[in-house]
Amino acid sequence: MKKIFWAGDSTVAYNSILTYPQTGIGQVFHLFLQEDAEIINHAINGRSTKSFIDQGRLAVIAETIGKGDFLFIQFGHNDEKIEDSERYTNPFKEYKENLGKFVAAAYDKGAYPVLITPLERRCFADDGQLEAGEHTDYVTAMKQTADEMRVPLVDLYSKSREELIQVGAEETRKWYMHLAAGEFVSKPEGLTDNTHLQYTGAVTFGRCIAEGLKELGGIYRELLLEGY
């Protein structure tokens, strides 16, 4: 059995009926995997690299991950929250240092870390053009970490932007939590959310990650369905 441990935030996390129809990428990624691959999803809403580590969540992964397993590391959204001292990290200092701790936790157990840049938000301007979101420095910092530590990287940020630009502002509403009144279990007045995903968005961006693994080749490509 191939095991994929996943550390991340709400864009990855598993959701229950309490947050339906919100869906994390890690919740649907099995669709792209071989039958002998298992996802162990430790992602949780609202976490940054800092709060994930501070709450002992990386320690839990380090205790259970083993030789030949994979650790997918996908953070950025909450590291950007400069107003929140419990979550904010400087992209070129603490963020990189924390990513290094995730990588080290995998290497220490003989596992394979994969860095995944943060998913782009649905940040279209009024004229329909996709703006630069808040992730840019964190994407750069993660790429630097990948180069410095020689860690494979999937650039979900760039791939998701390509998808958003291709499909456009209106059609991509259905990928994110844009809902009319009454459609959302705990928010009856409706919701406009350009960060959290519905099922279609989770599958769309899961495909981006699968394409990235395919591009990496070798053991990463072997996780995917034959013929994908």
Foldseek 3Di string as FASTA:
>chain_A
DAEEEEEEAQLADDDDLQWPQFGHLVRPLCVFFDPPYYYDYLYYHQAALQLCVVVCVLVVCLVPDAAAYEYEYEHAPQCCPVVDPSHHDDQQPVNLVSVVVSCVSQVVRNYAYEYEYYADFLQADPVFHRDDDPRVSNLVSSVVSCVVVVHHYQHLHVVNNVVDSVVTNPVCQQQAQFFPAPPTNPHNRTDDGRHTGGPVNSVVSSVSVLVSLVVVDDPSVNRGDPPD
